[in-house]
Amino acid sequence: MYSLGIYFASFSRNNWKKALKKLFLLPTTYASILAIVVNVFGIEIPDFLFNPISMVGEVMIPLALILLGIQLSRTNFKGYLSATIVSGLLKIIIAPIVIFATVYSLGIGGILAKVLIIQHSMPTAVIMTIIANEYNSGPEMVANTTFITTLASFFSITALLYLLNV
């Protein structure tokens, strides 16, 4: 989401060079690189740094949901109904089929296969609404898709869990 998602959202309004430049201007790019280095080398983060970072991370989900609610209050389904339906169907129906075929063709089985299929069958992430809004890349359509796929996921995830256990 913070790499390809931002690149494509930025790319919709810029050429590929400007989109790539915007990606490298984001603090999340460097935070990801730093996180990889800390993880690979097993560097211990002192509590006086870890605690504030952890608190900021814990605020992310409620803040993202509030921002989604604000965006949904400003959107209209009429202009984006067909795009919302198509993107919702791709996310809720086609994505699980594609990931199932991928998992099966790679010979992945057991609990790992089930986790991969469920994870890739989840509704559109709320963070994508925030990114689309930030880069003015169809925020209404993305918010509508997030809303519709979240509602549809109550049924699709239940059905998928049942099918994976059969």
C-alpha atoms as a PDB file:
ATOM      1  CA  MET A   1       0.000   0.000   0.000  1.00  0.00           C
ATOM      2  CA  TYR A   2       2.778   2.400   0.849  1.00  0.00           C
ATOM      3  CA  SER A   3       4.827   1.584  -2.223  1.00  0.00           C
ATOM      4  CA  LEU A   4       2.831   0.455  -5.255  1.00  0.00           C
ATOM      5  CA  GLY A   5      -0.402   1.958  -3.919  1.00  0.00           C
ATOM      6  CA  ILE A   6       1.163   5.387  -3.544  1.00  0.00           C
ATOM      7  CA  TYR A   7       3.058   5.065  -6.815  1.00  0.00           C
ATOM      8  CA  PHE A   8      -0.099   4.276  -8.812  1.00  0.00           C
ATOM      9  CA  ALA A   9      -2.175   6.908  -7.006  1.00  0.00           C
ATOM     10  CA  SER A  10       0.488   9.499  -7.780  1.00  0.00           C
ATOM     11  CA  PHE A  11       0.976   8.127 -11.301  1.00  0.00           C
ATOM     12  CA  SER A  12      -2.656   8.905 -12.159  1.00  0.00           C
ATOM     13  CA  ARG A  13      -1.811  12.626 -12.022  1.00  0.00           C
ATOM     14  CA  ASN A  14       1.905  12.575 -12.979  1.00  0.00           C
ATOM     15  CA  ASN A  15       4.350  10.783 -15.219  1.00  0.00           C
ATOM     16  CA  TRP A  16       6.291   7.786 -13.889  1.00  0.00           C
ATOM     17  CA  LYS A  17       9.332   9.873 -12.887  1.00  0.00           C
ATOM     18  CA  LYS A  18       7.307  12.279 -10.762  1.00  0.00           C
ATOM     19  CA  ALA A  19       5.370   9.387  -9.237  1.00  0.00           C
ATOM     20  CA  LEU A  20       8.604   7.638  -8.302  1.00  0.00           C
ATOM     21  CA  LYS A  21      10.003  10.885  -6.880  1.00  0.00           C
ATOM     22  CA  LYS A  22       6.891  11.336  -4.723  1.00  0.00           C
ATOM     23  CA  LEU A  23       7.349   7.807  -3.414  1.00  0.00           C
ATOM     24  CA  PHE A  24      10.867   8.630  -2.238  1.00  0.00           C
ATOM     25  CA  LEU A  25       9.731  11.861  -0.581  1.00  0.00           C
ATOM     26  CA  LEU A  26       7.498   9.952   1.848  1.00  0.00           C
ATOM     27  CA  PRO A  27       8.699   9.175   5.346  1.00  0.00           C
ATOM     28  CA  THR A  28       7.034   5.746   5.158  1.00  0.00           C
ATOM     29  CA  THR A  29       9.528   4.698   2.481  1.00  0.00           C
ATOM     30  CA  TYR A  30      12.460   5.388   4.790  1.00  0.00           C
ATOM     31  CA  ALA A  31      10.625   3.999   7.819  1.00  0.00           C
ATOM     32  CA  SER A  32      10.133   0.729   5.912  1.00  0.00           C
ATOM     33  CA  ILE A  33      13.812   0.563   4.994  1.00  0.00           C
ATOM     34  CA  LEU A  34      14.781   1.314   8.606  1.00  0.00           C
ATOM     35  CA  ALA A  35      12.351  -1.342   9.883  1.00  0.00           C
ATOM     36  CA  ILE A  36      13.902  -3.935   7.587  1.00  0.00           C
ATOM     37  CA  VAL A  37      17.409  -3.038   8.785  1.00  0.00           C
ATOM     38  CA  VAL A  38      16.340  -3.165  12.460  1.00  0.00           C
ATOM     39  CA  ASN A  39      14.624  -6.522  11.904  1.00  0.00           C
ATOM     40  CA  VAL A  40      17.412  -8.150   9.874  1.00  0.00           C
ATOM     41  CA  PHE A  41      20.177  -7.101  12.260  1.00  0.00           C
ATOM     42  CA  GLY A  42      18.115  -7.677  15.429  1.00  0.00           C
ATOM     43  CA  ILE A  43      18.665  -4.152  16.716  1.00  0.00           C
ATOM     44  CA  GLU A  44      16.907  -3.492  20.029  1.00  0.00           C
ATOM     45  CA  ILE A  45      14.852  -0.307  20.107  1.00  0.00           C
ATOM     46  CA  PRO A  46      15.021   1.495  23.470  1.00  0.00           C
ATOM     47  CA  ASP A  47      11.727   1.980  25.318  1.00  0.00           C
ATOM     48  CA  PHE A  48      11.923   5.775  25.158  1.00  0.00           C
ATOM     49  CA  LEU A  49      11.746   5.464  21.331  1.00  0.00           C
ATOM     50  CA  PHE A  50       9.530   2.403  21.053  1.00  0.00           C
ATOM     51  CA  ASN A  51       6.695   3.601  23.318  1.00  0.00           C
ATOM     52  CA  PRO A  52       5.840   6.815  21.405  1.00  0.00           C
ATOM     53  CA  ILE A  53       6.143   4.995  18.069  1.00  0.00           C
ATOM     54  CA  SER A  54       3.819   2.282  19.365  1.00  0.00           C
ATOM     55  CA  MET A  55       1.262   4.879  20.523  1.00  0.00           C
ATOM     56  CA  VAL A  56       1.220   6.526  17.099  1.00  0.00           C
ATOM     57  CA  GLY A  57       0.714   3.103  15.515  1.00  0.00           C
ATOM     58  CA  GLU A  58      -2.214   2.335  17.817  1.00  0.00           C
ATOM     59  CA  VAL A  59      -3.973   5.536  16.733  1.00  0.00           C
ATOM     60  CA  MET A  60      -3.815   4.583  13.049  1.00  0.00           C
ATOM     61  CA  ILE A  61      -6.884   2.333  12.850  1.00  0.00           C
ATOM     62  CA  PRO A  62      -9.370   4.640  14.627  1.00  0.00           C
ATOM     63  CA  LEU A  63      -8.040   7.627  12.694  1.00  0.00           C
ATOM     64  CA  ALA A  64      -8.329   5.776   9.380  1.00  0.00           C
ATOM     65  CA  LEU A  65     -11.933   4.806  10.164  1.00  0.00           C
ATOM     66  CA  ILE A  66     -12.814   8.401  11.049  1.00  0.00           C
ATOM     67  CA  LEU A  67     -11.281   9.608   7.790  1.00  0.00           C
ATOM     68  CA  LEU A  68     -13.193   6.933   5.855  1.00  0.00           C
ATOM     69  CA  GLY A  69     -16.422   8.111   7.486  1.00  0.00           C
ATOM     70  CA  ILE A  70     -15.674  11.713   6.520  1.00  0.00           C
ATOM     71  CA  GLN A  71     -14.912  10.664   2.934  1.00  0.00           C
ATOM     72  CA  LEU A  72     -18.071   8.551   2.711  1.00  0.00           C
ATOM     73  CA  SER A  73     -20.174  11.458   3.963  1.00  0.00           C
ATOM     74  CA  ARG A  74     -18.897  13.511   1.027  1.00  0.00           C
ATOM     75  CA  THR A  75     -19.287  10.890  -1.692  1.00  0.00           C
ATOM     76  CA  ASN A  76     -22.086  10.004  -4.044  1.00  0.00           C
ATOM     77  CA  PHE A  77     -22.644   6.477  -5.360  1.00  0.00           C
ATOM     78  CA  LYS A  78     -24.413   7.658  -8.507  1.00  0.00           C
ATOM     79  CA  GLY A  79     -21.375   8.756 -10.476  1.00  0.00           C
ATOM     80  CA  TYR A  80     -19.264   5.762  -9.517  1.00  0.00           C
ATOM     81  CA  LEU A  81     -21.770   2.925  -9.307  1.00  0.00           C
ATOM     82  CA  SER A  82     -20.477   0.827 -12.215  1.00  0.00           C
ATOM     83  CA  ALA A  83     -16.812   1.322 -11.265  1.00  0.00           C
ATOM     84  CA  THR A  84     -17.616   0.497  -7.650  1.00  0.00           C
ATOM     85  CA  ILE A  85     -19.465  -2.676  -8.624  1.00  0.00           C
ATOM     86  CA  VAL A  86     -16.685  -3.832 -10.959  1.00  0.00           C
ATOM     87  CA  SER A  87     -13.891  -3.119  -8.461  1.00  0.00           C
ATOM     88  CA  GLY A  88     -15.917  -4.711  -5.663  1.00  0.00           C
ATOM     89  CA  LEU A  89     -16.497  -7.869  -7.696  1.00  0.00           C
ATOM     90  CA  LEU A  90     -12.810  -8.014  -8.569  1.00  0.00           C
ATOM     91  CA  LYS A  91     -11.829  -7.720  -4.916  1.00  0.00           C
ATOM     92  CA  ILE A  92     -14.467  -9.990  -3.378  1.00  0.00           C
ATOM     93  CA  ILE A  93     -14.886 -12.697  -6.057  1.00  0.00           C
ATOM     94  CA  ILE A  94     -12.032 -12.648  -8.573  1.00  0.00           C
ATOM     95  CA  ALA A  95      -9.168 -12.062  -6.087  1.00  0.00           C
ATOM     96  CA  PRO A  96      -9.974 -15.194  -4.034  1.00  0.00           C
ATOM     97  CA  ILE A  97     -10.153 -17.285  -7.230  1.00  0.00           C
ATOM     98  CA  VAL A  98      -6.813 -15.933  -8.459  1.00  0.00           C
ATOM     99  CA  ILE A  99      -5.069 -16.454  -5.123  1.00  0.00           C
ATOM    100  CA  PHE A 100      -6.576 -19.941  -4.803  1.00  0.00           C
ATOM    101  CA  ALA A 101      -5.214 -20.830  -8.265  1.00  0.00           C
ATOM    102  CA  THR A 102      -1.834 -19.328  -7.348  1.00  0.00           C
ATOM    103  CA  VAL A 103      -1.624 -21.184  -4.043  1.00  0.00           C
ATOM    104  CA  TYR A 104      -2.689 -24.438  -5.706  1.00  0.00           C
ATOM    105  CA  SER A 105      -0.236 -24.054  -8.620  1.00  0.00           C
ATOM    106  CA  LEU A 106       2.644 -23.341  -6.216  1.00  0.00           C
ATOM    107  CA  GLY A 107       1.786 -26.436  -4.196  1.00  0.00           C
ATOM    108  CA  ILE A 108       1.178 -24.515  -0.978  1.00  0.00           C
ATOM    109  CA  GLY A 109      -1.117 -26.395   1.376  1.00  0.00           C
ATOM    110  CA  GLY A 110      -2.424 -26.558   4.894  1.00  0.00           C
ATOM    111  CA  ILE A 111      -2.925 -23.594   7.152  1.00  0.00           C
ATOM    112  CA  LEU A 112      -0.534 -21.400   5.137  1.00  0.00           C
ATOM    113  CA  ALA A 113      -2.699 -21.783   2.027  1.00  0.00           C
ATOM    114  CA  LYS A 114      -5.842 -20.957   3.996  1.00  0.00           C
ATOM    115  CA  VAL A 115      -4.267 -17.871   5.550  1.00  0.00           C
ATOM    116  CA  LEU A 116      -3.045 -16.614   2.170  1.00  0.00           C
ATOM    117  CA  ILE A 117      -6.460 -17.111   0.579  1.00  0.00           C
ATOM    118  CA  ILE A 118      -8.321 -15.391   3.431  1.00  0.00           C
ATOM    119  CA  GLN A 119      -5.817 -12.542   3.636  1.00  0.00           C
ATOM    120  CA  HIS A 120      -6.129 -11.787  -0.074  1.00  0.00           C
ATOM    121  CA  SER A 121      -9.916 -12.003   0.073  1.00  0.00           C
ATOM    122  CA  MET A 122     -10.364  -9.220   2.594  1.00  0.00           C
ATOM    123  CA  PRO A 123     -12.183  -5.999   1.658  1.00  0.00           C
ATOM    124  CA  THR A 124     -10.373  -3.008   0.246  1.00  0.00           C
ATOM    125  CA  ALA A 125      -8.152  -1.462   2.899  1.00  0.00           C
ATOM    126  CA  VAL A 126      -9.295   1.773   4.516  1.00  0.00           C
ATOM    127  CA  ILE A 127      -5.791   3.184   4.046  1.00  0.00           C
ATOM    128  CA  MET A 128      -6.314   3.121   0.280  1.00  0.00           C
ATOM    129  CA  THR A 129      -9.132   5.666   0.723  1.00  0.00           C
ATOM    130  CA  ILE A 130      -6.722   7.949   2.557  1.00  0.00           C
ATOM    131  CA  ILE A 131      -4.044   7.517  -0.136  1.00  0.00           C
ATOM    132  CA  ALA A 132      -6.561   8.130  -2.942  1.00  0.00           C
ATOM    133  CA  ASN A 133      -7.752  11.265  -1.160  1.00  0.00           C
ATOM    134  CA  GLU A 134      -4.211  12.528  -0.606  1.00  0.00           C
ATOM    135  CA  TYR A 135      -3.274  12.131  -4.279  1.00  0.00           C
ATOM    136  CA  ASN A 136      -6.722  13.074  -5.626  1.00  0.00           C
ATOM    137  CA  SER A 137      -6.902   9.754  -7.419  1.00  0.00           C
ATOM    138  CA  GLY A 138     -10.610   8.901  -7.413  1.00  0.00           C
ATOM    139  CA  PRO A 139     -11.180   9.164  -3.655  1.00  0.00           C
ATOM    140  CA  GLU A 140     -14.979   8.864  -3.992  1.00  0.00           C
ATOM    141  CA  MET A 141     -14.770   5.659  -5.998  1.00  0.00           C
ATOM    142  CA  VAL A 142     -12.168   4.170  -3.634  1.00  0.00           C
ATOM    143  CA  ALA A 143     -14.257   5.106  -0.575  1.00  0.00           C
ATOM    144  CA  ASN A 144     -17.338   3.556  -2.166  1.00  0.00           C
ATOM    145  CA  THR A 145     -15.389   0.399  -3.013  1.00  0.00           C
ATOM    146  CA  THR A 146     -14.069   0.180   0.554  1.00  0.00           C
ATOM    147  CA  PHE A 147     -17.602   0.543   1.892  1.00  0.00           C
ATOM    148  CA  ILE A 148     -19.190  -1.967  -0.508  1.00  0.00           C
ATOM    149  CA  THR A 149     -16.445  -4.577  -0.151  1.00  0.00           C
ATOM    150  CA  THR A 150     -16.599  -4.278   3.640  1.00  0.00           C
ATOM    151  CA  LEU A 151     -20.349  -4.923   3.597  1.00  0.00           C
ATOM    152  CA  ALA A 152     -20.011  -7.772   1.078  1.00  0.00           C
ATOM    153  CA  SER A 153     -17.169  -9.334   3.058  1.00  0.00           C
ATOM    154  CA  PHE A 154     -19.561 -10.293   5.863  1.00  0.00           C
ATOM    155  CA  PHE A 155     -21.000 -12.830   3.431  1.00  0.00           C
ATOM    156  CA  SER A 156     -17.996 -13.588   1.236  1.00  0.00           C
ATOM    157  CA  ILE A 157     -15.543 -14.226   4.081  1.00  0.00           C
ATOM    158  CA  THR A 158     -18.107 -16.407   5.878  1.00  0.00           C
ATOM    159  CA  ALA A 159     -18.644 -18.447   2.712  1.00  0.00           C
ATOM    160  CA  LEU A 160     -14.911 -18.640   2.064  1.00  0.00           C
ATOM    161  CA  LEU A 161     -14.197 -19.841   5.617  1.00  0.00           C
ATOM    162  CA  TYR A 162     -16.853 -22.508   5.192  1.00  0.00           C
ATOM    163  CA  LEU A 163     -15.431 -23.635   1.825  1.00  0.00           C
ATOM    164  CA  LEU A 164     -11.865 -23.745   3.144  1.00  0.00           C
ATOM    165  CA  ASN A 165     -12.913 -26.009   6.006  1.00  0.00           C
ATOM    166  CA  VAL A 166     -14.945 -28.389   3.807  1.00  0.00           C
END
